[in-house]
């Protein structure tokens, strides 16, 4: 594996079952490990997100988080 792609940072991640299933499906379809899939998604975040819909989806997610805390 090239030096640039060596995974050097590890952190505990908690995610919903839906998010985990989507990550696993994406990694399998892409022939990547889940770690490599997350690395790809974050390294390419701005090019794979729709800048027009991202703020709206983020507000919806934050509203769901606030609702679940009640």
C-alpha atoms as a PDB file:
ATOM      1  CA  UNK A   1       0.000   0.000   0.000  1.00  0.00           C
ATOM      2  CA  UNK A   2       1.431   3.421  -0.900  1.00  0.00           C
ATOM      3  CA  UNK A   3       2.602   5.521   2.012  1.00  0.00           C
ATOM      4  CA  UNK A   4      -0.089   8.142   1.354  1.00  0.00           C
ATOM      5  CA  UNK A   5      -2.847   5.623   1.980  1.00  0.00           C
ATOM      6  CA  UNK A   6      -1.469   4.144   5.174  1.00  0.00           C
ATOM      7  CA  UNK A   7      -4.183   4.404   7.813  1.00  0.00           C
ATOM      8  CA  UNK A   8      -2.486   6.038  10.793  1.00  0.00           C
ATOM      9  CA  UNK A   9      -5.391   7.512  12.744  1.00  0.00           C
ATOM     10  CA  UNK A  10      -7.888   5.398  14.621  1.00  0.00           C
ATOM     11  CA  UNK A  11     -10.881   6.667  16.490  1.00  0.00           C
ATOM     12  CA  UNK A  12     -14.003   5.066  17.906  1.00  0.00           C
ATOM     13  CA  UNK A  13     -17.025   5.676  15.731  1.00  0.00           C
ATOM     14  CA  UNK A  14     -20.662   5.255  16.670  1.00  0.00           C
ATOM     15  CA  UNK A  15     -23.249   5.179  13.912  1.00  0.00           C
ATOM     16  CA  UNK A  16     -26.793   4.090  13.321  1.00  0.00           C
ATOM     17  CA  UNK A  17     -27.551   0.660  11.939  1.00  0.00           C
ATOM     18  CA  UNK A  18     -28.695   2.247   8.665  1.00  0.00           C
ATOM     19  CA  UNK A  19     -25.457   4.204   8.319  1.00  0.00           C
ATOM     20  CA  UNK A  20     -23.386   1.110   9.088  1.00  0.00           C
ATOM     21  CA  UNK A  21     -25.274  -0.991   6.523  1.00  0.00           C
ATOM     22  CA  UNK A  22     -24.781   1.710   3.875  1.00  0.00           C
ATOM     23  CA  UNK A  23     -21.075   1.948   4.695  1.00  0.00           C
ATOM     24  CA  UNK A  24     -20.689  -1.834   4.448  1.00  0.00           C
ATOM     25  CA  UNK A  25     -22.617  -1.957   1.161  1.00  0.00           C
ATOM     26  CA  UNK A  26     -20.564   0.911  -0.303  1.00  0.00           C
ATOM     27  CA  UNK A  27     -17.298  -0.690   0.785  1.00  0.00           C
ATOM     28  CA  UNK A  28     -18.287  -4.077  -0.672  1.00  0.00           C
ATOM     29  CA  UNK A  29     -19.453  -2.549  -3.967  1.00  0.00           C
ATOM     30  CA  UNK A  30     -16.219  -0.552  -4.164  1.00  0.00           C
ATOM     31  CA  UNK A  31     -14.025  -3.490  -3.182  1.00  0.00           C
ATOM     32  CA  UNK A  32     -12.695  -1.514  -0.191  1.00  0.00           C
ATOM     33  CA  UNK A  33     -12.520  -2.196   3.516  1.00  0.00           C
ATOM     34  CA  UNK A  34     -14.852  -0.051   5.655  1.00  0.00           C
ATOM     35  CA  UNK A  35     -11.805   1.940   6.842  1.00  0.00           C
ATOM     36  CA  UNK A  36     -10.730   2.616   3.262  1.00  0.00           C
ATOM     37  CA  UNK A  37     -14.298   3.541   2.292  1.00  0.00           C
ATOM     38  CA  UNK A  38     -14.532   6.113   5.091  1.00  0.00           C
ATOM     39  CA  UNK A  39     -11.132   7.496   4.137  1.00  0.00           C
ATOM     40  CA  UNK A  40     -12.253   7.842   0.524  1.00  0.00           C
ATOM     41  CA  UNK A  41     -15.522   9.546   1.518  1.00  0.00           C
ATOM     42  CA  UNK A  42     -13.845  12.088   3.787  1.00  0.00           C
ATOM     43  CA  UNK A  43     -10.915  12.813   1.468  1.00  0.00           C
ATOM     44  CA  UNK A  44     -13.351  13.472  -1.377  1.00  0.00           C
ATOM     45  CA  UNK A  45     -16.159  15.016   0.667  1.00  0.00           C
ATOM     46  CA  UNK A  46     -16.530  18.272  -1.253  1.00  0.00           C
ATOM     47  CA  UNK A  47     -16.590  16.590  -4.634  1.00  0.00           C
ATOM     48  CA  UNK A  48     -19.152  13.923  -3.705  1.00  0.00           C
ATOM     49  CA  UNK A  49     -21.640  16.092  -1.824  1.00  0.00           C
ATOM     50  CA  UNK A  50     -24.223  18.329  -3.404  1.00  0.00           C
ATOM     51  CA  UNK A  51     -23.545  21.784  -1.975  1.00  0.00           C
ATOM     52  CA  UNK A  52     -27.153  22.845  -2.519  1.00  0.00           C
ATOM     53  CA  UNK A  53     -28.795  19.988  -0.617  1.00  0.00           C
ATOM     54  CA  UNK A  54     -26.155  19.456   2.075  1.00  0.00           C
ATOM     55  CA  UNK A  55     -27.267  22.353   4.356  1.00  0.00           C
ATOM     56  CA  UNK A  56     -30.895  21.224   4.158  1.00  0.00           C
ATOM     57  CA  UNK A  57     -30.049  17.587   4.950  1.00  0.00           C
ATOM     58  CA  UNK A  58     -27.784  18.730   7.789  1.00  0.00           C
ATOM     59  CA  UNK A  59     -30.602  20.790   9.332  1.00  0.00           C
ATOM     60  CA  UNK A  60     -32.946  17.788   9.113  1.00  0.00           C
ATOM     61  CA  UNK A  61     -30.355  15.560  10.773  1.00  0.00           C
ATOM     62  CA  UNK A  62     -29.756  18.104  13.539  1.00  0.00           C
ATOM     63  CA  UNK A  63     -33.507  18.370  14.118  1.00  0.00           C
ATOM     64  CA  UNK A  64     -33.730  14.582  14.429  1.00  0.00           C
ATOM     65  CA  UNK A  65     -30.873  14.631  16.942  1.00  0.00           C
ATOM     66  CA  UNK A  66     -32.570  17.331  18.989  1.00  0.00           C
ATOM     67  CA  UNK A  67     -35.850  15.415  18.881  1.00  0.00           C
ATOM     68  CA  UNK A  68     -34.195  12.201  20.048  1.00  0.00           C
ATOM     69  CA  UNK A  69     -32.648  13.972  23.050  1.00  0.00           C
ATOM     70  CA  UNK A  70     -36.075  14.974  24.363  1.00  0.00           C
END
